[in-house]
PDB file of all heavy atoms in Angstrom:
ATOM      1  N   ASN A   1       6.271   0.065  -7.747  1.00  0.00           N
ATOM      2  CA  ASN A   1       6.936  -1.241  -7.716  1.00  0.00           C
ATOM      3  C   ASN A   1       7.940  -1.344  -6.563  1.00  0.00           C
ATOM      4  O   ASN A   1       8.836  -2.188  -6.588  1.00  0.00           O
ATOM      5  CB  ASN A   1       7.636  -1.497  -9.045  1.00  0.00           C
ATOM      6  CG  ASN A   1       8.724  -0.466  -9.336  1.00  0.00           C
ATOM      7  OD1 ASN A   1       8.842   0.537  -8.615  1.00  0.00           O
ATOM      8  ND2 ASN A   1       9.517  -0.694 -10.367  1.00  0.00           N
ATOM      9  N   HIS A   2       7.766  -0.504  -5.551  1.00  0.00           N
ATOM     10  CA  HIS A   2       8.672  -0.515  -4.402  1.00  0.00           C
ATOM     11  C   HIS A   2       8.610  -1.878  -3.704  1.00  0.00           C
ATOM     12  O   HIS A   2       7.566  -2.331  -3.251  1.00  0.00           O
ATOM     13  CB  HIS A   2       8.280   0.599  -3.430  1.00  0.00           C
ATOM     14  CG  HIS A   2       8.960   0.512  -2.098  1.00  0.00           C
ATOM     15  ND1 HIS A   2      10.327   0.616  -1.943  1.00  0.00           N
ATOM     16  CD2 HIS A   2       8.463   0.327  -0.843  1.00  0.00           C
ATOM     17  CE1 HIS A   2      10.650   0.502  -0.685  1.00  0.00           C
ATOM     18  NE2 HIS A   2       9.527   0.319   0.031  1.00  0.00           N
ATOM     19  N   GLY A   3       9.762  -2.549  -3.672  1.00  0.00           N
ATOM     20  CA  GLY A   3       9.860  -3.826  -2.979  1.00  0.00           C
ATOM     21  C   GLY A   3       9.224  -4.978  -3.719  1.00  0.00           C
ATOM     22  O   GLY A   3       9.092  -6.075  -3.165  1.00  0.00           O
ATOM     23  N   ARG A   4       8.813  -4.775  -4.979  1.00  0.00           N
ATOM     24  CA  ARG A   4       8.145  -5.829  -5.725  1.00  0.00           C
ATOM     25  C   ARG A   4       8.681  -5.872  -7.159  1.00  0.00           C
ATOM     26  O   ARG A   4       9.299  -4.919  -7.638  1.00  0.00           O
ATOM     27  CB  ARG A   4       6.625  -5.600  -5.768  1.00  0.00           C
ATOM     28  CG  ARG A   4       5.950  -5.692  -4.403  1.00  0.00           C
ATOM     29  CD  ARG A   4       4.493  -5.245  -4.503  1.00  0.00           C
ATOM     30  NE  ARG A   4       3.820  -5.384  -3.217  1.00  0.00           N
ATOM     31  CZ  ARG A   4       3.100  -6.436  -2.876  1.00  0.00           C
ATOM     32  NH1 ARG A   4       2.988  -7.462  -3.712  1.00  0.00           N
ATOM     33  NH2 ARG A   4       2.515  -6.494  -1.711  1.00  0.00           N
ATOM     34  N   ARG A   5       8.406  -6.982  -7.848  1.00  0.00           N
ATOM     35  CA  ARG A   5       8.789  -7.074  -9.255  1.00  0.00           C
ATOM     36  C   ARG A   5       7.802  -6.324 -10.145  1.00  0.00           C
ATOM     37  O   ARG A   5       8.145  -5.871 -11.222  1.00  0.00           O
ATOM     38  CB  ARG A   5       8.857  -8.536  -9.675  1.00  0.00           C
ATOM     39  CG  ARG A   5       9.998  -9.305  -9.016  1.00  0.00           C
ATOM     40  CD  ARG A   5      10.040 -10.731  -9.513  1.00  0.00           C
ATOM     41  NE  ARG A   5      11.137 -11.469  -8.891  1.00  0.00           N
ATOM     42  CZ  ARG A   5      11.409 -12.743  -9.124  1.00  0.00           C
ATOM     43  NH1 ARG A   5      10.637 -13.439  -9.977  1.00  0.00           N
ATOM     44  NH2 ARG A   5      12.405 -13.343  -8.521  1.00  0.00           N
ATOM     45  N   GLY A   6       6.577  -6.243  -9.713  1.00  0.00           N
ATOM     46  CA  GLY A   6       5.555  -5.512 -10.451  1.00  0.00           C
ATOM     47  C   GLY A   6       4.941  -4.444  -9.576  1.00  0.00           C
ATOM     48  O   GLY A   6       5.379  -4.209  -8.448  1.00  0.00           O
ATOM     49  N   ASN A   7       3.930  -3.778 -10.121  1.00  0.00           N
ATOM     50  CA  ASN A   7       3.270  -2.733  -9.360  1.00  0.00           C
ATOM     51  C   ASN A   7       2.373  -3.330  -8.272  1.00  0.00           C
ATOM     52  O   ASN A   7       1.732  -4.370  -8.467  1.00  0.00           O
ATOM     53  CB  ASN A   7       2.423  -1.856 -10.281  1.00  0.00           C
ATOM     54  CG  ASN A   7       3.282  -1.038 -11.229  1.00  0.00           C
ATOM     55  OD1 ASN A   7       4.463  -0.810 -10.961  1.00  0.00           O
ATOM     56  ND2 ASN A   7       2.699  -0.597 -12.338  1.00  0.00           N
ATOM     57  N   SER A   8       2.324  -2.673  -7.145  1.00  0.00           N
ATOM     58  CA  SER A   8       1.478  -3.110  -6.039  1.00  0.00           C
ATOM     59  C   SER A   8       0.026  -2.738  -6.319  1.00  0.00           C
ATOM     60  O   SER A   8      -0.267  -1.773  -7.034  1.00  0.00           O
ATOM     61  CB  SER A   8       1.924  -2.432  -4.736  1.00  0.00           C
ATOM     62  OG  SER A   8       3.252  -2.798  -4.421  1.00  0.00           O
ATOM     63  N   GLU A   9      -0.898  -3.508  -5.775  1.00  0.00           N
ATOM     64  CA  GLU A   9      -2.297  -3.150  -5.836  1.00  0.00           C
ATOM     65  C   GLU A   9      -2.528  -1.945  -4.932  1.00  0.00           C
ATOM     66  O   GLU A   9      -1.841  -1.755  -3.916  1.00  0.00           O
ATOM     67  CB  GLU A   9      -3.165  -4.318  -5.360  1.00  0.00           C
ATOM     68  CG  GLU A   9      -3.077  -5.554  -6.235  1.00  0.00           C
ATOM     69  CD  GLU A   9      -3.724  -5.327  -7.585  1.00  0.00           C
ATOM     70  OE1 GLU A   9      -4.660  -4.492  -7.653  1.00  0.00           O
ATOM     71  OE2 GLU A   9      -3.310  -5.969  -8.569  1.00  0.00           O
ATOM     72  N   CYS A  10      -3.497  -1.144  -5.273  1.00  0.00           N
ATOM     73  CA  CYS A  10      -3.777   0.076  -4.507  1.00  0.00           C
ATOM     74  C   CYS A  10      -4.044  -0.238  -3.028  1.00  0.00           C
ATOM     75  O   CYS A  10      -3.589   0.481  -2.133  1.00  0.00           O
ATOM     76  CB  CYS A  10      -4.987   0.810  -5.090  1.00  0.00           C
ATOM     77  SG  CYS A  10      -4.774   1.319  -6.806  1.00  0.00           S
ATOM     78  N   ILE A  11      -4.786  -1.343  -2.819  1.00  0.00           N
ATOM     79  CA  ILE A  11      -5.226  -1.633  -1.452  1.00  0.00           C
ATOM     80  C   ILE A  11      -4.071  -2.008  -0.536  1.00  0.00           C
ATOM     81  O   ILE A  11      -4.202  -2.036   0.690  1.00  0.00           O
ATOM     82  CB  ILE A  11      -6.292  -2.754  -1.488  1.00  0.00           C
ATOM     83  CG1 ILE A  11      -7.100  -2.736  -0.198  1.00  0.00           C
ATOM     84  CG2 ILE A  11      -5.653  -4.113  -1.774  1.00  0.00           C
ATOM     85  CD1 ILE A  11      -8.329  -3.610  -0.266  1.00  0.00           C
ATOM     86  N   VAL A  12      -2.912  -2.345  -1.085  1.00  0.00           N
ATOM     87  CA  VAL A  12      -1.760  -2.685  -0.252  1.00  0.00           C
ATOM     88  C   VAL A  12      -1.391  -1.508   0.634  1.00  0.00           C
ATOM     89  O   VAL A  12      -1.087  -1.666   1.823  1.00  0.00           O
ATOM     90  CB  VAL A  12      -0.560  -3.093  -1.139  1.00  0.00           C
ATOM     91  CG1 VAL A  12       0.705  -3.247  -0.295  1.00  0.00           C
ATOM     92  CG2 VAL A  12      -0.869  -4.391  -1.879  1.00  0.00           C
ATOM     93  N   CYS A  13      -1.429  -0.307   0.047  1.00  0.00           N
ATOM     94  CA  CYS A  13      -1.087   0.884   0.829  1.00  0.00           C
ATOM     95  C   CYS A  13      -2.329   1.665   1.261  1.00  0.00           C
ATOM     96  O   CYS A  13      -2.373   2.219   2.355  1.00  0.00           O
ATOM     97  CB  CYS A  13      -0.179   1.797   0.020  1.00  0.00           C
ATOM     98  SG  CYS A  13       1.385   1.031  -0.466  1.00  0.00           S
ATOM     99  N   HIS A  14      -3.335   1.690   0.363  1.00  0.00           N
ATOM    100  CA  HIS A  14      -4.553   2.471   0.629  1.00  0.00           C
ATOM    101  C   HIS A  14      -5.658   1.522   1.057  1.00  0.00           C
ATOM    102  O   HIS A  14      -6.436   1.020   0.246  1.00  0.00           O
ATOM    103  CB  HIS A  14      -4.964   3.247  -0.620  1.00  0.00           C
ATOM    104  CG  HIS A  14      -3.913   4.170  -1.133  1.00  0.00           C
ATOM    105  ND1 HIS A  14      -3.622   5.391  -0.553  1.00  0.00           N
ATOM    106  CD2 HIS A  14      -3.029   4.042  -2.180  1.00  0.00           C
ATOM    107  CE1 HIS A  14      -2.653   5.975  -1.227  1.00  0.00           C
ATOM    108  NE2 HIS A  14      -2.256   5.176  -2.209  1.00  0.00           N
ATOM    109  N   GLU A  15      -5.705   1.247   2.353  1.00  0.00           N
ATOM    110  CA  GLU A  15      -6.697   0.297   2.872  1.00  0.00           C
ATOM    111  C   GLU A  15      -8.116   0.807   2.676  1.00  0.00           C
ATOM    112  O   GLU A  15      -9.039   0.031   2.509  1.00  0.00           O
ATOM    113  CB  GLU A  15      -6.419   0.021   4.348  1.00  0.00           C
ATOM    114  CG  GLU A  15      -5.095  -0.685   4.589  1.00  0.00           C
ATOM    115  CD  GLU A  15      -4.815  -0.896   6.060  1.00  0.00           C
ATOM    116  OE1 GLU A  15      -4.961   0.073   6.852  1.00  0.00           O
ATOM    117  OE2 GLU A  15      -4.489  -2.036   6.434  1.00  0.00           O
ATOM    118  N   ASN A  16      -8.266   2.101   2.692  1.00  0.00           N
ATOM    119  CA  ASN A  16      -9.571   2.719   2.460  1.00  0.00           C
ATOM    120  C   ASN A  16      -9.584   3.258   1.028  1.00  0.00           C
ATOM    121  O   ASN A  16      -9.035   4.333   0.749  1.00  0.00           O
ATOM    122  CB  ASN A  16      -9.818   3.849   3.456  1.00  0.00           C
ATOM    123  CG  ASN A  16     -11.186   4.497   3.254  1.00  0.00           C
ATOM    124  OD1 ASN A  16     -11.986   4.044   2.425  1.00  0.00           O
ATOM    125  ND2 ASN A  16     -11.456   5.551   4.018  1.00  0.00           N
ATOM    126  N   LEU A  17     -10.186   2.494   0.123  1.00  0.00           N
ATOM    127  CA  LEU A  17     -10.180   2.883  -1.293  1.00  0.00           C
ATOM    128  C   LEU A  17     -11.058   4.095  -1.581  1.00  0.00           C
ATOM    129  O   LEU A  17     -11.104   4.569  -2.712  1.00  0.00           O
ATOM    130  CB  LEU A  17     -10.639   1.706  -2.172  1.00  0.00           C
ATOM    131  CG  LEU A  17      -9.696   0.500  -2.206  1.00  0.00           C
ATOM    132  CD1 LEU A  17     -10.269  -0.595  -3.086  1.00  0.00           C
ATOM    133  CD2 LEU A  17      -8.313   0.912  -2.698  1.00  0.00           C
ATOM    134  N   GLN A  18     -11.756   4.572  -0.562  1.00  0.00           N
ATOM    135  CA  GLN A  18     -12.550   5.781  -0.733  1.00  0.00           C
ATOM    136  C   GLN A  18     -11.739   7.032  -0.397  1.00  0.00           C
ATOM    137  O   GLN A  18     -12.194   8.143  -0.669  1.00  0.00           O
ATOM    138  CB  GLN A  18     -13.802   5.732   0.165  1.00  0.00           C
ATOM    139  CG  GLN A  18     -14.660   4.496  -0.043  1.00  0.00           C
ATOM    140  CD  GLN A  18     -15.083   4.343  -1.489  1.00  0.00           C
ATOM    141  OE1 GLN A  18     -15.495   5.299  -2.112  1.00  0.00           O
ATOM    142  NE2 GLN A  18     -14.954   3.126  -2.020  1.00  0.00           N
ATOM    143  N   ASN A  19     -10.566   6.839   0.172  1.00  0.00           N
ATOM    144  CA  ASN A  19      -9.748   7.987   0.550  1.00  0.00           C
ATOM    145  C   ASN A  19      -8.284   7.638   0.276  1.00  0.00           C
ATOM    146  O   ASN A  19      -7.624   6.997   1.086  1.00  0.00           O
ATOM    147  CB  ASN A  19      -9.956   8.339   2.024  1.00  0.00           C
ATOM    148  CG  ASN A  19      -9.185   9.595   2.415  1.00  0.00           C
ATOM    149  OD1 ASN A  19      -8.508  10.208   1.590  1.00  0.00           O
ATOM    150  ND2 ASN A  19      -9.288   9.976   3.688  1.00  0.00           N
ATOM    151  N   PHE A  20      -7.786   8.078  -0.854  1.00  0.00           N
ATOM    152  CA  PHE A  20      -6.436   7.717  -1.252  1.00  0.00           C
ATOM    153  C   PHE A  20      -5.389   8.676  -0.684  1.00  0.00           C
ATOM    154  O   PHE A  20      -4.197   8.498  -0.914  1.00  0.00           O
ATOM    155  CB  PHE A  20      -6.335   7.686  -2.779  1.00  0.00           C
ATOM    156  CG  PHE A  20      -6.928   6.441  -3.363  1.00  0.00           C
ATOM    157  CD1 PHE A  20      -8.284   6.371  -3.640  1.00  0.00           C
ATOM    158  CD2 PHE A  20      -6.143   5.329  -3.602  1.00  0.00           C
ATOM    159  CE1 PHE A  20      -8.834   5.221  -4.157  1.00  0.00           C
ATOM    160  CE2 PHE A  20      -6.690   4.165  -4.124  1.00  0.00           C
ATOM    161  CZ  PHE A  20      -8.042   4.108  -4.401  1.00  0.00           C
ATOM    162  N   LYS A  21      -5.864   9.681   0.038  1.00  0.00           N
ATOM    163  CA  LYS A  21      -4.903  10.547   0.709  1.00  0.00           C
ATOM    164  C   LYS A  21      -4.303   9.847   1.941  1.00  0.00           C
ATOM    165  O   LYS A  21      -3.240  10.233   2.420  1.00  0.00           O
ATOM    166  CB  LYS A  21      -5.587  11.856   1.128  1.00  0.00           C
ATOM    167  CG  LYS A  21      -6.001  12.726  -0.061  1.00  0.00           C
ATOM    168  CD  LYS A  21      -6.640  14.018   0.404  1.00  0.00           C
ATOM    169  CE  LYS A  21      -7.039  14.889  -0.782  1.00  0.00           C
ATOM    170  NZ  LYS A  21      -7.673  16.156  -0.339  1.00  0.00           N
ATOM    171  N   GLU A  22      -4.990   8.851   2.457  1.00  0.00           N
ATOM    172  CA  GLU A  22      -4.484   8.075   3.588  1.00  0.00           C
ATOM    173  C   GLU A  22      -3.748   6.843   3.079  1.00  0.00           C
ATOM    174  O   GLU A  22      -4.161   6.241   2.083  1.00  0.00           O
ATOM    175  CB  GLU A  22      -5.642   7.631   4.489  1.00  0.00           C
ATOM    176  CG  GLU A  22      -6.377   8.778   5.167  1.00  0.00           C
ATOM    177  CD  GLU A  22      -7.510   8.284   6.043  1.00  0.00           C
ATOM    178  OE1 GLU A  22      -7.735   7.037   6.064  1.00  0.00           O
ATOM    179  OE2 GLU A  22      -8.173   9.112   6.685  1.00  0.00           O
ATOM    180  N   TYR A  23      -2.656   6.490   3.724  1.00  0.00           N
ATOM    181  CA  TYR A  23      -1.903   5.306   3.323  1.00  0.00           C
ATOM    182  C   TYR A  23      -1.190   4.717   4.555  1.00  0.00           C
ATOM    183  O   TYR A  23      -1.106   5.357   5.607  1.00  0.00           O
ATOM    184  CB  TYR A  23      -0.867   5.677   2.241  1.00  0.00           C
ATOM    185  CG  TYR A  23       0.272   6.528   2.765  1.00  0.00           C
ATOM    186  CD1 TYR A  23       1.456   5.931   3.227  1.00  0.00           C
ATOM    187  CD2 TYR A  23       0.167   7.919   2.814  1.00  0.00           C
ATOM    188  CE1 TYR A  23       2.488   6.700   3.710  1.00  0.00           C
ATOM    189  CE2 TYR A  23       1.199   8.691   3.295  1.00  0.00           C
ATOM    190  CZ  TYR A  23       2.367   8.089   3.734  1.00  0.00           C
ATOM    191  OH  TYR A  23       3.403   8.856   4.217  1.00  0.00           O
ATOM    192  N   THR A  24      -0.712   3.526   4.392  1.00  0.00           N
ATOM    193  CA  THR A  24       0.079   2.888   5.459  1.00  0.00           C
ATOM    194  C   THR A  24       1.225   2.110   4.834  1.00  0.00           C
ATOM    195  O   THR A  24       1.095   1.578   3.726  1.00  0.00           O
ATOM    196  CB  THR A  24      -0.787   1.929   6.300  1.00  0.00           C
ATOM    197  OG1 THR A  24       0.041   1.341   7.310  1.00  0.00           O
ATOM    198  CG2 THR A  24      -1.384   0.824   5.449  1.00  0.00           C
ATOM    199  N   CYS A  25       2.332   2.059   5.535  1.00  0.00           N
ATOM    200  CA  CYS A  25       3.473   1.263   5.085  1.00  0.00           C
ATOM    201  C   CYS A  25       3.548  -0.066   5.838  1.00  0.00           C
ATOM    202  O   CYS A  25       4.363  -0.942   5.506  1.00  0.00           O
ATOM    203  CB  CYS A  25       4.776   2.036   5.302  1.00  0.00           C
ATOM    204  SG  CYS A  25       4.888   3.546   4.312  1.00  0.00           S
ATOM    205  N   TYR A  26       2.694  -0.235   6.852  1.00  0.00           N
ATOM    206  CA  TYR A  26       2.813  -1.382   7.745  1.00  0.00           C
ATOM    207  C   TYR A  26       2.343  -2.699   7.118  1.00  0.00           C
ATOM    208  O   TYR A  26       2.641  -3.770   7.633  1.00  0.00           O
ATOM    209  CB  TYR A  26       2.022  -1.138   9.034  1.00  0.00           C
ATOM    210  CG  TYR A  26       2.543   0.047   9.833  1.00  0.00           C
ATOM    211  CD1 TYR A  26       1.694   0.791  10.650  1.00  0.00           C
ATOM    212  CD2 TYR A  26       3.895   0.394   9.774  1.00  0.00           C
ATOM    213  CE1 TYR A  26       2.175   1.865  11.391  1.00  0.00           C
ATOM    214  CE2 TYR A  26       4.380   1.473  10.509  1.00  0.00           C
ATOM    215  CZ  TYR A  26       3.525   2.205  11.304  1.00  0.00           C
ATOM    216  OH  TYR A  26       4.003   3.271  12.020  1.00  0.00           O
ATOM    217  N   ASN A  27       1.624  -2.632   6.028  1.00  0.00           N
ATOM    218  CA  ASN A  27       1.185  -3.873   5.386  1.00  0.00           C
ATOM    219  C   ASN A  27       2.349  -4.621   4.747  1.00  0.00           C
ATOM    220  O   ASN A  27       2.267  -5.817   4.487  1.00  0.00           O
ATOM    221  CB  ASN A  27       0.119  -3.585   4.325  1.00  0.00           C
ATOM    222  CG  ASN A  27      -1.208  -3.236   4.956  1.00  0.00           C
ATOM    223  OD1 ASN A  27      -1.507  -3.701   6.065  1.00  0.00           O
ATOM    224  ND2 ASN A  27      -2.004  -2.416   4.285  1.00  0.00           N
ATOM    225  N   CYS A  28       3.435  -3.905   4.483  1.00  0.00           N
ATOM    226  CA  CYS A  28       4.634  -4.556   3.936  1.00  0.00           C
ATOM    227  C   CYS A  28       5.755  -4.605   4.971  1.00  0.00           C
ATOM    228  O   CYS A  28       6.453  -5.607   5.096  1.00  0.00           O
ATOM    229  CB  CYS A  28       5.114  -3.821   2.696  1.00  0.00           C
ATOM    230  SG  CYS A  28       3.990  -3.944   1.288  1.00  0.00           S
ATOM    231  N   HIS A  29       5.916  -3.505   5.660  1.00  0.00           N
ATOM    232  CA  HIS A  29       6.990  -3.415   6.650  1.00  0.00           C
ATOM    233  C   HIS A  29       6.459  -3.900   8.000  1.00  0.00           C
ATOM    234  O   HIS A  29       5.529  -3.312   8.548  1.00  0.00           O
ATOM    235  CB  HIS A  29       7.490  -1.962   6.759  1.00  0.00           C
ATOM    236  CG  HIS A  29       8.092  -1.464   5.480  1.00  0.00           C
ATOM    237  ND1 HIS A  29       9.382  -1.770   5.108  1.00  0.00           N
ATOM    238  CD2 HIS A  29       7.572  -0.704   4.479  1.00  0.00           C
ATOM    239  CE1 HIS A  29       9.640  -1.198   3.953  1.00  0.00           C
ATOM    240  NE2 HIS A  29       8.550  -0.543   3.539  1.00  0.00           N
ATOM    241  N   GLU A  30       7.043  -4.953   8.510  1.00  0.00           N
ATOM    242  CA  GLU A  30       6.544  -5.571   9.745  1.00  0.00           C
ATOM    243  C   GLU A  30       7.021  -4.784  10.970  1.00  0.00           C
ATOM    244  O   GLU A  30       7.920  -5.186  11.709  1.00  0.00           O
ATOM    245  CB  GLU A  30       7.007  -7.029   9.820  1.00  0.00           C
ATOM    246  CG  GLU A  30       6.457  -7.883   8.689  1.00  0.00           C
ATOM    247  CD  GLU A  30       6.966  -9.297   8.759  1.00  0.00           C
ATOM    248  OE1 GLU A  30       7.772  -9.585   9.670  1.00  0.00           O
ATOM    249  OE2 GLU A  30       6.556 -10.115   7.911  1.00  0.00           O
ATOM    250  N   HIS A  31       6.448  -3.653  11.142  1.00  0.00           N
ATOM    251  CA  HIS A  31       6.751  -2.787  12.284  1.00  0.00           C
ATOM    252  C   HIS A  31       5.464  -2.530  13.050  1.00  0.00           C
ATOM    253  O   HIS A  31       4.388  -2.468  12.448  1.00  0.00           O
ATOM    254  CB  HIS A  31       7.334  -1.444  11.832  1.00  0.00           C
ATOM    255  CG  HIS A  31       8.577  -1.585  11.009  1.00  0.00           C
ATOM    256  ND1 HIS A  31       9.682  -2.288  11.425  1.00  0.00           N
ATOM    257  CD2 HIS A  31       8.901  -1.069   9.784  1.00  0.00           C
ATOM    258  CE1 HIS A  31      10.622  -2.234  10.507  1.00  0.00           C
ATOM    259  NE2 HIS A  31      10.164  -1.491   9.494  1.00  0.00           N
TER     260      HIS A  31
END
């Protein structure tokens, strides 16, 4: 629930749902 009122969907951080070891923070943080 980081930065949200509820839990985020997996795809927000894990763009590749076949590999959850990879993640990105850029989908929320505009960097």
